[in-house]
mmCIF file of all heavy atoms, coordinates in Angstrom:
data_MODEL
# 
_entry.id   MODEL 
# 
loop_
_atom_site.group_PDB 
_atom_site.id 
_atom_site.type_symbol 
_atom_site.label_atom_id 
_atom_site.label_alt_id 
_atom_site.label_comp_id 
_atom_site.label_asym_id 
_atom_site.label_entity_id 
_atom_site.label_seq_id 
_atom_site.pdbx_PDB_ins_code 
_atom_site.Cartn_x 
_atom_site.Cartn_y 
_atom_site.Cartn_z 
_atom_site.occupancy 
_atom_site.B_iso_or_equiv 
_atom_site.pdbx_formal_charge 
_atom_site.auth_seq_id 
_atom_site.auth_comp_id 
_atom_site.auth_asym_id 
_atom_site.auth_atom_id 
_atom_site.pdbx_PDB_model_num 
ATOM 1   N N   . SER A 1 1  ? 10.708  5.724  5.054   1.00 0.00 ? 1  SER A N   1 
ATOM 2   C CA  . SER A 1 1  ? 10.858  4.738  6.130   1.00 0.00 ? 1  SER A CA  1 
ATOM 3   C C   . SER A 1 1  ? 11.923  3.710  5.765   1.00 0.00 ? 1  SER A C   1 
ATOM 4   O O   . SER A 1 1  ? 12.662  3.240  6.639   1.00 0.00 ? 1  SER A O   1 
ATOM 5   C CB  . SER A 1 1  ? 9.522   4.055  6.438   1.00 0.00 ? 1  SER A CB  1 
ATOM 6   O OG  . SER A 1 1  ? 9.145   3.191  5.397   1.00 0.00 ? 1  SER A OG  1 
ATOM 7   N N   . PHE A 1 2  ? 12.027  3.378  4.482   1.00 0.00 ? 2  PHE A N   1 
ATOM 8   C CA  . PHE A 1 2  ? 13.050  2.439  4.021   1.00 0.00 ? 2  PHE A CA  1 
ATOM 9   C C   . PHE A 1 2  ? 14.453  2.980  4.274   1.00 0.00 ? 2  PHE A C   1 
ATOM 10  O O   . PHE A 1 2  ? 15.359  2.232  4.630   1.00 0.00 ? 2  PHE A O   1 
ATOM 11  C CB  . PHE A 1 2  ? 12.853  2.154  2.530   1.00 0.00 ? 2  PHE A CB  1 
ATOM 12  C CG  . PHE A 1 2  ? 13.846  1.184  1.954   1.00 0.00 ? 2  PHE A CG  1 
ATOM 13  C CD1 . PHE A 1 2  ? 13.666  -0.176 2.098   1.00 0.00 ? 2  PHE A CD1 1 
ATOM 14  C CD2 . PHE A 1 2  ? 14.957  1.637  1.263   1.00 0.00 ? 2  PHE A CD2 1 
ATOM 15  C CE1 . PHE A 1 2  ? 14.579  -1.073 1.565   1.00 0.00 ? 2  PHE A CE1 1 
ATOM 16  C CE2 . PHE A 1 2  ? 15.882  0.755  0.732   1.00 0.00 ? 2  PHE A CE2 1 
ATOM 17  C CZ  . PHE A 1 2  ? 15.690  -0.613 0.885   1.00 0.00 ? 2  PHE A CZ  1 
ATOM 18  N N   . LEU A 1 3  ? 14.627  4.285  4.099   1.00 0.00 ? 3  LEU A N   1 
ATOM 19  C CA  . LEU A 1 3  ? 15.931  4.896  4.369   1.00 0.00 ? 3  LEU A CA  1 
ATOM 20  C C   . LEU A 1 3  ? 16.295  4.813  5.847   1.00 0.00 ? 3  LEU A C   1 
ATOM 21  O O   . LEU A 1 3  ? 17.469  4.682  6.198   1.00 0.00 ? 3  LEU A O   1 
ATOM 22  C CB  . LEU A 1 3  ? 15.935  6.367  3.943   1.00 0.00 ? 3  LEU A CB  1 
ATOM 23  C CG  . LEU A 1 3  ? 16.066  6.647  2.466   1.00 0.00 ? 3  LEU A CG  1 
ATOM 24  C CD1 . LEU A 1 3  ? 15.946  8.139  2.207   1.00 0.00 ? 3  LEU A CD1 1 
ATOM 25  C CD2 . LEU A 1 3  ? 17.370  6.119  1.924   1.00 0.00 ? 3  LEU A CD2 1 
ATOM 26  N N   . ILE A 1 4  ? 15.305  4.911  6.704   1.00 0.00 ? 4  ILE A N   1 
ATOM 27  C CA  . ILE A 1 4  ? 15.558  4.875  8.144   1.00 0.00 ? 4  ILE A CA  1 
ATOM 28  C C   . ILE A 1 4  ? 15.839  3.453  8.606   1.00 0.00 ? 4  ILE A C   1 
ATOM 29  O O   . ILE A 1 4  ? 16.787  3.194  9.343   1.00 0.00 ? 4  ILE A O   1 
ATOM 30  C CB  . ILE A 1 4  ? 14.383  5.497  8.919   1.00 0.00 ? 4  ILE A CB  1 
ATOM 31  C CG1 . ILE A 1 4  ? 14.235  6.966  8.524   1.00 0.00 ? 4  ILE A CG1 1 
ATOM 32  C CG2 . ILE A 1 4  ? 14.572  5.344  10.422  1.00 0.00 ? 4  ILE A CG2 1 
ATOM 33  C CD1 . ILE A 1 4  ? 12.954  7.612  8.979   1.00 0.00 ? 4  ILE A CD1 1 
ATOM 34  N N   . LYS A 1 5  ? 14.990  2.520  8.178   1.00 0.00 ? 5  LYS A N   1 
ATOM 35  C CA  . LYS A 1 5  ? 15.171  1.105  8.509   1.00 0.00 ? 5  LYS A CA  1 
ATOM 36  C C   . LYS A 1 5  ? 14.482  0.290  7.415   1.00 0.00 ? 5  LYS A C   1 
ATOM 37  O O   . LYS A 1 5  ? 13.251  0.295  7.332   1.00 0.00 ? 5  LYS A O   1 
ATOM 38  C CB  . LYS A 1 5  ? 14.588  0.786  9.883   1.00 0.00 ? 5  LYS A CB  1 
ATOM 39  C CG  . LYS A 1 5  ? 14.952  -0.591 10.368  1.00 0.00 ? 5  LYS A CG  1 
ATOM 40  C CD  . LYS A 1 5  ? 14.710  -0.754 11.843  1.00 0.00 ? 5  LYS A CD  1 
ATOM 41  C CE  . LYS A 1 5  ? 15.273  -2.095 12.287  1.00 0.00 ? 5  LYS A CE  1 
ATOM 42  N NZ  . LYS A 1 5  ? 15.133  -2.275 13.709  1.00 0.00 ? 5  LYS A NZ  1 
ATOM 43  N N   . PRO A 1 6  ? 15.237  -0.389 6.571   1.00 0.00 ? 6  PRO A N   1 
ATOM 44  C CA  . PRO A 1 6  ? 14.663  -1.058 5.399   1.00 0.00 ? 6  PRO A CA  1 
ATOM 45  C C   . PRO A 1 6  ? 13.510  -2.018 5.695   1.00 0.00 ? 6  PRO A C   1 
ATOM 46  O O   . PRO A 1 6  ? 12.576  -2.126 4.897   1.00 0.00 ? 6  PRO A O   1 
ATOM 47  C CB  . PRO A 1 6  ? 15.856  -1.803 4.794   1.00 0.00 ? 6  PRO A CB  1 
ATOM 48  C CG  . PRO A 1 6  ? 17.038  -1.000 5.212   1.00 0.00 ? 6  PRO A CG  1 
ATOM 49  C CD  . PRO A 1 6  ? 16.700  -0.475 6.585   1.00 0.00 ? 6  PRO A CD  1 
ATOM 50  N N   . GLN A 1 7  ? 13.543  -2.692 6.838   1.00 0.00 ? 7  GLN A N   1 
ATOM 51  C CA  . GLN A 1 7  ? 12.485  -3.649 7.168   1.00 0.00 ? 7  GLN A CA  1 
ATOM 52  C C   . GLN A 1 7  ? 11.116  -2.994 7.299   1.00 0.00 ? 7  GLN A C   1 
ATOM 53  O O   . GLN A 1 7  ? 10.091  -3.651 7.190   1.00 0.00 ? 7  GLN A O   1 
ATOM 54  C CB  . GLN A 1 7  ? 12.796  -4.384 8.477   1.00 0.00 ? 7  GLN A CB  1 
ATOM 55  C CG  . GLN A 1 7  ? 14.069  -5.184 8.468   1.00 0.00 ? 7  GLN A CG  1 
ATOM 56  C CD  . GLN A 1 7  ? 15.268  -4.413 8.965   1.00 0.00 ? 7  GLN A CD  1 
ATOM 57  O OE1 . GLN A 1 7  ? 15.455  -3.255 8.624   1.00 0.00 ? 7  GLN A OE1 1 
ATOM 58  N NE2 . GLN A 1 7  ? 16.114  -5.052 9.753   1.00 0.00 ? 7  GLN A NE2 1 
ATOM 59  N N   . LEU A 1 8  ? 11.069  -1.703 7.547   1.00 0.00 ? 8  LEU A N   1 
ATOM 60  C CA  . LEU A 1 8  ? 9.786   -1.027 7.741   1.00 0.00 ? 8  LEU A CA  1 
ATOM 61  C C   . LEU A 1 8  ? 8.966   -0.949 6.460   1.00 0.00 ? 8  LEU A C   1 
ATOM 62  O O   . LEU A 1 8  ? 7.761   -0.727 6.514   1.00 0.00 ? 8  LEU A O   1 
ATOM 63  C CB  . LEU A 1 8  ? 10.013  0.379  8.308   1.00 0.00 ? 8  LEU A CB  1 
ATOM 64  C CG  . LEU A 1 8  ? 10.543  0.407  9.737   1.00 0.00 ? 8  LEU A CG  1 
ATOM 65  C CD1 . LEU A 1 8  ? 10.918  1.830  10.135  1.00 0.00 ? 8  LEU A CD1 1 
ATOM 66  C CD2 . LEU A 1 8  ? 9.531   -0.161 10.704  1.00 0.00 ? 8  LEU A CD2 1 
ATOM 67  N N   . ALA A 1 9  ? 9.589   -1.152 5.316   1.00 0.00 ? 9  ALA A N   1 
ATOM 68  C CA  . ALA A 1 9  ? 8.851   -1.105 4.047   1.00 0.00 ? 9  ALA A CA  1 
ATOM 69  C C   . ALA A 1 9  ? 8.085   -2.393 3.781   1.00 0.00 ? 9  ALA A C   1 
ATOM 70  O O   . ALA A 1 9  ? 7.387   -2.486 2.769   1.00 0.00 ? 9  ALA A O   1 
ATOM 71  C CB  . ALA A 1 9  ? 9.810   -0.807 2.902   1.00 0.00 ? 9  ALA A CB  1 
ATOM 72  N N   . ILE A 1 10 ? 8.150   -3.349 4.687   1.00 0.00 ? 10 ILE A N   1 
ATOM 73  C CA  . ILE A 1 10 ? 7.497   -4.632 4.476   1.00 0.00 ? 10 ILE A CA  1 
ATOM 74  C C   . ILE A 1 10 ? 5.970   -4.499 4.374   1.00 0.00 ? 10 ILE A C   1 
ATOM 75  O O   . ILE A 1 10 ? 5.313   -5.293 3.718   1.00 0.00 ? 10 ILE A O   1 
ATOM 76  C CB  . ILE A 1 10 ? 7.884   -5.649 5.574   1.00 0.00 ? 10 ILE A CB  1 
ATOM 77  C CG1 . ILE A 1 10 ? 7.518   -7.054 5.147   1.00 0.00 ? 10 ILE A CG1 1 
ATOM 78  C CG2 . ILE A 1 10 ? 7.246   -5.292 6.903   1.00 0.00 ? 10 ILE A CG2 1 
ATOM 79  C CD1 . ILE A 1 10 ? 8.103   -8.134 6.029   1.00 0.00 ? 10 ILE A CD1 1 
ATOM 80  N N   . SER A 1 11 ? 5.418   -3.474 4.984   1.00 0.00 ? 11 SER A N   1 
ATOM 81  C CA  . SER A 1 11 ? 3.962   -3.313 4.942   1.00 0.00 ? 11 SER A CA  1 
ATOM 82  C C   . SER A 1 11 ? 3.485   -2.525 3.725   1.00 0.00 ? 11 SER A C   1 
ATOM 83  O O   . SER A 1 11 ? 2.279   -2.365 3.543   1.00 0.00 ? 11 SER A O   1 
ATOM 84  C CB  . SER A 1 11 ? 3.465   -2.652 6.229   1.00 0.00 ? 11 SER A CB  1 
ATOM 85  O OG  . SER A 1 11 ? 4.098   -1.403 6.416   1.00 0.00 ? 11 SER A OG  1 
ATOM 86  N N   . LEU A 1 12 ? 4.383   -2.067 2.877   1.00 0.00 ? 12 LEU A N   1 
ATOM 87  C CA  . LEU A 1 12 ? 3.981   -1.331 1.678   1.00 0.00 ? 12 LEU A CA  1 
ATOM 88  C C   . LEU A 1 12 ? 3.007   -2.120 0.808   1.00 0.00 ? 12 LEU A C   1 
ATOM 89  O O   . LEU A 1 12 ? 1.977   -1.570 0.397   1.00 0.00 ? 12 LEU A O   1 
ATOM 90  C CB  . LEU A 1 12 ? 5.204   -0.886 0.865   1.00 0.00 ? 12 LEU A CB  1 
ATOM 91  C CG  . LEU A 1 12 ? 4.917   -0.244 -0.494  1.00 0.00 ? 12 LEU A CG  1 
ATOM 92  C CD1 . LEU A 1 12 ? 4.076   1.016  -0.350  1.00 0.00 ? 12 LEU A CD1 1 
ATOM 93  C CD2 . LEU A 1 12 ? 6.210   0.078  -1.225  1.00 0.00 ? 12 LEU A CD2 1 
ATOM 94  N N   . PRO A 1 13 ? 3.252   -3.407 0.490   1.00 0.00 ? 13 PRO A N   1 
ATOM 95  C CA  . PRO A 1 13 ? 2.293   -4.122 -0.354  1.00 0.00 ? 13 PRO A CA  1 
ATOM 96  C C   . PRO A 1 13 ? 0.881   -4.202 0.248   1.00 0.00 ? 13 PRO A C   1 
ATOM 97  O O   . PRO A 1 13 ? -0.110  -4.129 -0.477  1.00 0.00 ? 13 PRO A O   1 
ATOM 98  C CB  . PRO A 1 13 ? 2.897   -5.514 -0.507  1.00 0.00 ? 13 PRO A CB  1 
ATOM 99  C CG  . PRO A 1 13 ? 4.344   -5.337 -0.230  1.00 0.00 ? 13 PRO A CG  1 
ATOM 100 C CD  . PRO A 1 13 ? 4.446   -4.205 0.766   1.00 0.00 ? 13 PRO A CD  1 
ATOM 101 N N   . VAL A 1 14 ? 0.806   -4.313 1.565   1.00 0.00 ? 14 VAL A N   1 
ATOM 102 C CA  . VAL A 1 14 ? -0.504  -4.401 2.217   1.00 0.00 ? 14 VAL A CA  1 
ATOM 103 C C   . VAL A 1 14 ? -1.255  -3.072 2.103   1.00 0.00 ? 14 VAL A C   1 
ATOM 104 O O   . VAL A 1 14 ? -2.432  -3.037 1.730   1.00 0.00 ? 14 VAL A O   1 
ATOM 105 C CB  . VAL A 1 14 ? -0.351  -4.818 3.701   1.00 0.00 ? 14 VAL A CB  1 
ATOM 106 C CG1 . VAL A 1 14 ? -1.682  -4.776 4.419   1.00 0.00 ? 14 VAL A CG1 1 
ATOM 107 C CG2 . VAL A 1 14 ? 0.282   -6.189 3.792   1.00 0.00 ? 14 VAL A CG2 1 
ATOM 108 N N   . VAL A 1 15 ? -0.576  -1.976 2.405   1.00 0.00 ? 15 VAL A N   1 
ATOM 109 C CA  . VAL A 1 15 ? -1.216  -0.661 2.328   1.00 0.00 ? 15 VAL A CA  1 
ATOM 110 C C   . VAL A 1 15 ? -1.525  -0.321 0.874   1.00 0.00 ? 15 VAL A C   1 
ATOM 111 O O   . VAL A 1 15 ? -2.612  0.187  0.566   1.00 0.00 ? 15 VAL A O   1 
ATOM 112 C CB  . VAL A 1 15 ? -0.338  0.425  2.989   1.00 0.00 ? 15 VAL A CB  1 
ATOM 113 C CG1 . VAL A 1 15 ? -0.984  1.789  2.885   1.00 0.00 ? 15 VAL A CG1 1 
ATOM 114 C CG2 . VAL A 1 15 ? -0.068  0.076  4.447   1.00 0.00 ? 15 VAL A CG2 1 
ATOM 115 N N   . PHE A 1 16 ? -0.604  -0.649 -0.035  1.00 0.00 ? 16 PHE A N   1 
ATOM 116 C CA  . PHE A 1 16 ? -0.840  -0.412 -1.462  1.00 0.00 ? 16 PHE A CA  1 
ATOM 117 C C   . PHE A 1 16 ? -2.065  -1.205 -1.938  1.00 0.00 ? 16 PHE A C   1 
ATOM 118 O O   . PHE A 1 16 ? -2.944  -0.668 -2.612  1.00 0.00 ? 16 PHE A O   1 
ATOM 119 C CB  . PHE A 1 16 ? 0.397   -0.815 -2.285  1.00 0.00 ? 16 PHE A CB  1 
ATOM 120 C CG  . PHE A 1 16 ? 0.188   -0.730 -3.755  1.00 0.00 ? 16 PHE A CG  1 
ATOM 121 C CD1 . PHE A 1 16 ? 0.279   0.485  -4.417  1.00 0.00 ? 16 PHE A CD1 1 
ATOM 122 C CD2 . PHE A 1 16 ? -0.112  -1.865 -4.502  1.00 0.00 ? 16 PHE A CD2 1 
ATOM 123 C CE1 . PHE A 1 16 ? 0.080   0.571  -5.780  1.00 0.00 ? 16 PHE A CE1 1 
ATOM 124 C CE2 . PHE A 1 16 ? -0.314  -1.791 -5.861  1.00 0.00 ? 16 PHE A CE2 1 
ATOM 125 C CZ  . PHE A 1 16 ? -0.219  -0.576 -6.501  1.00 0.00 ? 16 PHE A CZ  1 
ATOM 126 N N   . GLY A 1 17 ? -2.123  -2.482 -1.584  1.00 0.00 ? 17 GLY A N   1 
ATOM 127 C CA  . GLY A 1 17 ? -3.270  -3.317 -1.972  1.00 0.00 ? 17 GLY A CA  1 
ATOM 128 C C   . GLY A 1 17 ? -4.578  -2.792 -1.422  1.00 0.00 ? 17 GLY A C   1 
ATOM 129 O O   . GLY A 1 17 ? -5.605  -2.796 -2.119  1.00 0.00 ? 17 GLY A O   1 
ATOM 130 N N   . THR A 1 18 ? -4.553  -2.324 -0.192  1.00 0.00 ? 18 THR A N   1 
ATOM 131 C CA  . THR A 1 18 ? -5.757  -1.752 0.412   1.00 0.00 ? 18 THR A CA  1 
ATOM 132 C C   . THR A 1 18 ? -6.206  -0.510 -0.354  1.00 0.00 ? 18 THR A C   1 
ATOM 133 O O   . THR A 1 18 ? -7.394  -0.343 -0.642  1.00 0.00 ? 18 THR A O   1 
ATOM 134 C CB  . THR A 1 18 ? -5.499  -1.397 1.890   1.00 0.00 ? 18 THR A CB  1 
ATOM 135 O OG1 . THR A 1 18 ? -5.053  -2.570 2.571   1.00 0.00 ? 18 THR A OG1 1 
ATOM 136 C CG2 . THR A 1 18 ? -6.740  -0.857 2.556   1.00 0.00 ? 18 THR A CG2 1 
ATOM 137 N N   . LEU A 1 19 ? -5.257  0.345  -0.710  1.00 0.00 ? 19 LEU A N   1 
ATOM 138 C CA  . LEU A 1 19 ? -5.594  1.548  -1.486  1.00 0.00 ? 19 LEU A CA  1 
ATOM 139 C C   . LEU A 1 19 ? -6.165  1.183  -2.852  1.00 0.00 ? 19 LEU A C   1 
ATOM 140 O O   . LEU A 1 19 ? -7.127  1.817  -3.317  1.00 0.00 ? 19 LEU A O   1 
ATOM 141 C CB  . LEU A 1 19 ? -4.367  2.434  -1.669  1.00 0.00 ? 19 LEU A CB  1 
ATOM 142 C CG  . LEU A 1 19 ? -4.136  3.518  -0.637  1.00 0.00 ? 19 LEU A CG  1 
ATOM 143 C CD1 . LEU A 1 19 ? -2.913  4.345  -1.004  1.00 0.00 ? 19 LEU A CD1 1 
ATOM 144 C CD2 . LEU A 1 19 ? -5.333  4.393  -0.450  1.00 0.00 ? 19 LEU A CD2 1 
ATOM 145 N N   . VAL A 1 20 ? -5.588  0.177  -3.493  1.00 0.00 ? 20 VAL A N   1 
ATOM 146 C CA  . VAL A 1 20 ? -6.101  -0.250 -4.803  1.00 0.00 ? 20 VAL A CA  1 
ATOM 147 C C   . VAL A 1 20 ? -7.526  -0.759 -4.668  1.00 0.00 ? 20 VAL A C   1 
ATOM 148 O O   . VAL A 1 20 ? -8.399  -0.422 -5.482  1.00 0.00 ? 20 VAL A O   1 
ATOM 149 C CB  . VAL A 1 20 ? -5.171  -1.323 -5.428  1.00 0.00 ? 20 VAL A CB  1 
ATOM 150 C CG1 . VAL A 1 20 ? -5.827  -1.990 -6.616  1.00 0.00 ? 20 VAL A CG1 1 
ATOM 151 C CG2 . VAL A 1 20 ? -3.851  -0.709 -5.837  1.00 0.00 ? 20 VAL A CG2 1 
ATOM 152 N N   . ILE A 1 21 ? -7.786  -1.562 -3.650  1.00 0.00 ? 21 ILE A N   1 
ATOM 153 C CA  . ILE A 1 21 ? -9.149  -2.078 -3.435  1.00 0.00 ? 21 ILE A CA  1 
ATOM 154 C C   . ILE A 1 21 ? -10.126 -0.934 -3.194  1.00 0.00 ? 21 ILE A C   1 
ATOM 155 O O   . ILE A 1 21 ? -11.217 -0.908 -3.765  1.00 0.00 ? 21 ILE A O   1 
ATOM 156 C CB  . ILE A 1 21 ? -9.161  -3.096 -2.268  1.00 0.00 ? 21 ILE A CB  1 
ATOM 157 C CG1 . ILE A 1 21 ? -8.430  -4.362 -2.693  1.00 0.00 ? 21 ILE A CG1 1 
ATOM 158 C CG2 . ILE A 1 21 ? -10.583 -3.401 -1.823  1.00 0.00 ? 21 ILE A CG2 1 
ATOM 159 C CD1 . ILE A 1 21 ? -8.145  -5.328 -1.569  1.00 0.00 ? 21 ILE A CD1 1 
ATOM 160 N N   . PHE A 1 22 ? -9.740  0.030  -2.378  1.00 0.00 ? 22 PHE A N   1 
ATOM 161 C CA  . PHE A 1 22 ? -10.602 1.194  -2.132  1.00 0.00 ? 22 PHE A CA  1 
ATOM 162 C C   . PHE A 1 22 ? -10.820 1.978  -3.424  1.00 0.00 ? 22 PHE A C   1 
ATOM 163 O O   . PHE A 1 22 ? -11.912 2.462  -3.688  1.00 0.00 ? 22 PHE A O   1 
ATOM 164 C CB  . PHE A 1 22 ? -9.990  2.106  -1.064  1.00 0.00 ? 22 PHE A CB  1 
ATOM 165 C CG  . PHE A 1 22 ? -10.346 1.720  0.340   1.00 0.00 ? 22 PHE A CG  1 
ATOM 166 C CD1 . PHE A 1 22 ? -9.948  0.510  0.878   1.00 0.00 ? 22 PHE A CD1 1 
ATOM 167 C CD2 . PHE A 1 22 ? -11.079 2.580  1.137   1.00 0.00 ? 22 PHE A CD2 1 
ATOM 168 C CE1 . PHE A 1 22 ? -10.270 0.163  2.168   1.00 0.00 ? 22 PHE A CE1 1 
ATOM 169 C CE2 . PHE A 1 22 ? -11.399 2.246  2.448   1.00 0.00 ? 22 PHE A CE2 1 
ATOM 170 C CZ  . PHE A 1 22 ? -11.001 1.028  2.958   1.00 0.00 ? 22 PHE A CZ  1 
ATOM 171 N N   . ARG A 1 23 ? -9.763  2.106  -4.222  1.00 0.00 ? 23 ARG A N   1 
ATOM 172 C CA  . ARG A 1 23 ? -9.867  2.822  -5.500  1.00 0.00 ? 23 ARG A CA  1 
ATOM 173 C C   . ARG A 1 23 ? -10.837 2.105  -6.431  1.00 0.00 ? 23 ARG A C   1 
ATOM 174 O O   . ARG A 1 23 ? -11.680 2.735  -7.063  1.00 0.00 ? 23 ARG A O   1 
ATOM 175 C CB  . ARG A 1 23 ? -8.481  2.952  -6.138  1.00 0.00 ? 23 ARG A CB  1 
ATOM 176 C CG  . ARG A 1 23 ? -8.462  3.711  -7.449  1.00 0.00 ? 23 ARG A CG  1 
ATOM 177 C CD  . ARG A 1 23 ? -7.016  3.935  -7.884  1.00 0.00 ? 23 ARG A CD  1 
ATOM 178 N NE  . ARG A 1 23 ? -6.887  4.423  -9.232  1.00 0.00 ? 23 ARG A NE  1 
ATOM 179 C CZ  . ARG A 1 23 ? -6.917  5.713  -9.568  1.00 0.00 ? 23 ARG A CZ  1 
ATOM 180 N NH1 . ARG A 1 23 ? -7.083  6.625  -8.647  1.00 0.00 ? 23 ARG A NH1 1 
ATOM 181 N NH2 . ARG A 1 23 ? -6.777  6.069  -10.830 1.00 0.00 ? 23 ARG A NH2 1 
ATOM 182 N N   . TRP A 1 24 ? -10.721 0.800  -6.505  1.00 0.00 ? 24 TRP A N   1 
ATOM 183 C CA  . TRP A 1 24 ? -11.586 0.029  -7.400  1.00 0.00 ? 24 TRP A CA  1 
ATOM 184 C C   . TRP A 1 24 ? -13.032 0.014  -6.903  1.00 0.00 ? 24 TRP A C   1 
ATOM 185 O O   . TRP A 1 24 ? -13.961 0.009  -7.693  1.00 0.00 ? 24 TRP A O   1 
ATOM 186 C CB  . TRP A 1 24 ? -11.065 -1.372 -7.569  1.00 0.00 ? 24 TRP A CB  1 
ATOM 187 C CG  . TRP A 1 24 ? -9.825  -1.453 -8.417  1.00 0.00 ? 24 TRP A CG  1 
ATOM 188 C CD1 . TRP A 1 24 ? -9.148  -0.413 -8.986  1.00 0.00 ? 24 TRP A CD1 1 
ATOM 189 C CD2 . TRP A 1 24 ? -9.107  -2.618 -8.772  1.00 0.00 ? 24 TRP A CD2 1 
ATOM 190 N NE1 . TRP A 1 24 ? -8.062  -0.870 -9.675  1.00 0.00 ? 24 TRP A NE1 1 
ATOM 191 C CE2 . TRP A 1 24 ? -8.004  -2.220 -9.574  1.00 0.00 ? 24 TRP A CE2 1 
ATOM 192 C CE3 . TRP A 1 24 ? -9.285  -3.971 -8.505  1.00 0.00 ? 24 TRP A CE3 1 
ATOM 193 C CZ2 . TRP A 1 24 ? -7.100  -3.138 -10.093 1.00 0.00 ? 24 TRP A CZ2 1 
ATOM 194 C CZ3 . TRP A 1 24 ? -8.372  -4.877 -9.032  1.00 0.00 ? 24 TRP A CZ3 1 
ATOM 195 C CH2 . TRP A 1 24 ? -7.300  -4.458 -9.814  1.00 0.00 ? 24 TRP A CH2 1 
ATOM 196 N N   . ASN A 1 25 ? -13.225 -0.010 -5.583  1.00 0.00 ? 25 ASN A N   1 
ATOM 197 C CA  . ASN A 1 25 ? -14.594 0.016  -5.039  1.00 0.00 ? 25 ASN A CA  1 
ATOM 198 C C   . ASN A 1 25 ? -15.300 1.330  -5.344  1.00 0.00 ? 25 ASN A C   1 
ATOM 199 O O   . ASN A 1 25 ? -16.495 1.355  -5.588  1.00 0.00 ? 25 ASN A O   1 
ATOM 200 C CB  . ASN A 1 25 ? -14.584 -0.211 -3.525  1.00 0.00 ? 25 ASN A CB  1 
ATOM 201 C CG  . ASN A 1 25 ? -14.434 -1.663 -3.172  1.00 0.00 ? 25 ASN A CG  1 
ATOM 202 O OD1 . ASN A 1 25 ? -14.645 -2.549 -3.986  1.00 0.00 ? 25 ASN A OD1 1 
ATOM 203 N ND2 . ASN A 1 25 ? -14.050 -1.918 -1.940  1.00 0.00 ? 25 ASN A ND2 1 
ATOM 204 N N   . SER A 1 26 ? -14.562 2.420  -5.298  1.00 0.00 ? 26 SER A N   1 
ATOM 205 C CA  . SER A 1 26 ? -15.197 3.725  -5.469  1.00 0.00 ? 26 SER A CA  1 
ATOM 206 C C   . SER A 1 26 ? -15.240 4.183  -6.929  1.00 0.00 ? 26 SER A C   1 
ATOM 207 O O   . SER A 1 26 ? -16.065 5.005  -7.285  1.00 0.00 ? 26 SER A O   1 
ATOM 208 C CB  . SER A 1 26 ? -14.481 4.792  -4.629  1.00 0.00 ? 26 SER A CB  1 
ATOM 209 O OG  . SER A 1 26 ? -13.170 4.997  -5.109  1.00 0.00 ? 26 SER A OG  1 
ATOM 210 N N   . GLN A 1 27 ? -14.359 3.638  -7.786  1.00 0.00 ? 27 GLN A N   1 
ATOM 211 C CA  . GLN A 1 27 ? -14.262 4.178  -9.137  1.00 0.00 ? 27 GLN A CA  1 
ATOM 212 C C   . GLN A 1 27 ? -14.312 3.129  -10.236 1.00 0.00 ? 27 GLN A C   1 
ATOM 213 O O   . GLN A 1 27 ? -14.206 3.468  -11.403 1.00 0.00 ? 27 GLN A O   1 
ATOM 214 C CB  . GLN A 1 27 ? -12.970 5.000  -9.271  1.00 0.00 ? 27 GLN A CB  1 
ATOM 215 C CG  . GLN A 1 27 ? -12.935 6.170  -8.324  1.00 0.00 ? 27 GLN A CG  1 
ATOM 216 C CD  . GLN A 1 27 ? -11.558 6.805  -8.257  1.00 0.00 ? 27 GLN A CD  1 
ATOM 217 O OE1 . GLN A 1 27 ? -10.572 6.246  -8.703  1.00 0.00 ? 27 GLN A OE1 1 
ATOM 218 N NE2 . GLN A 1 27 ? -11.498 7.996  -7.679  1.00 0.00 ? 27 GLN A NE2 1 
ATOM 219 N N   . ARG A 1 28 ? -14.418 1.862  -9.931  1.00 0.00 ? 28 ARG A N   1 
ATOM 220 C CA  . ARG A 1 28 ? -14.513 0.792  -10.931 1.00 0.00 ? 28 ARG A CA  1 
ATOM 221 C C   . ARG A 1 28 ? -13.412 0.883  -11.986 1.00 0.00 ? 28 ARG A C   1 
ATOM 222 O O   . ARG A 1 28 ? -13.654 1.127  -13.149 1.00 0.00 ? 28 ARG A O   1 
ATOM 223 C CB  . ARG A 1 28 ? -15.885 0.794  -11.617 1.00 0.00 ? 28 ARG A CB  1 
ATOM 224 C CG  . ARG A 1 28 ? -17.045 0.729  -10.681 1.00 0.00 ? 28 ARG A CG  1 
ATOM 225 C CD  . ARG A 1 28 ? -17.150 -0.662 -10.087 1.00 0.00 ? 28 ARG A CD  1 
ATOM 226 N NE  . ARG A 1 28 ? -18.292 -0.683 -9.172  1.00 0.00 ? 28 ARG A NE  1 
ATOM 227 C CZ  . ARG A 1 28 ? -18.253 -1.215 -7.982  1.00 0.00 ? 28 ARG A CZ  1 
ATOM 228 N NH1 . ARG A 1 28 ? -17.164 -1.754 -7.535  1.00 0.00 ? 28 ARG A NH1 1 
ATOM 229 N NH2 . ARG A 1 28 ? -19.304 -1.215 -7.215  1.00 0.00 ? 28 ARG A NH2 1 
ATOM 230 N N   . LYS A 1 29 ? -12.193 0.657  -11.571 1.00 0.00 ? 29 LYS A N   1 
ATOM 231 C CA  . LYS A 1 29 ? -11.035 0.749  -12.460 1.00 0.00 ? 29 LYS A CA  1 
ATOM 232 C C   . LYS A 1 29 ? -10.682 -0.629 -13.024 1.00 0.00 ? 29 LYS A C   1 
ATOM 233 O O   . LYS A 1 29 ? -11.117 -1.655 -12.505 1.00 0.00 ? 29 LYS A O   1 
ATOM 234 C CB  . LYS A 1 29 ? -9.821  1.323  -11.712 1.00 0.00 ? 29 LYS A CB  1 
ATOM 235 C CG  . LYS A 1 29 ? -10.030 2.729  -11.199 1.00 0.00 ? 29 LYS A CG  1 
ATOM 236 C CD  . LYS A 1 29 ? -10.015 3.697  -12.343 1.00 0.00 ? 29 LYS A CD  1 
ATOM 237 C CE  . LYS A 1 29 ? -10.126 5.113  -11.838 1.00 0.00 ? 29 LYS A CE  1 
ATOM 238 N NZ  . LYS A 1 29 ? -9.978  6.100  -12.857 1.00 0.00 ? 29 LYS A NZ  1 
# 
């Protein structure tokens, strides 16, 4: 998405953070 339009990568930290929280909730990392 960054290659298509760089501004679209702005939501990466939010989605990444959500995945980390889900990972920690299910696996206690």
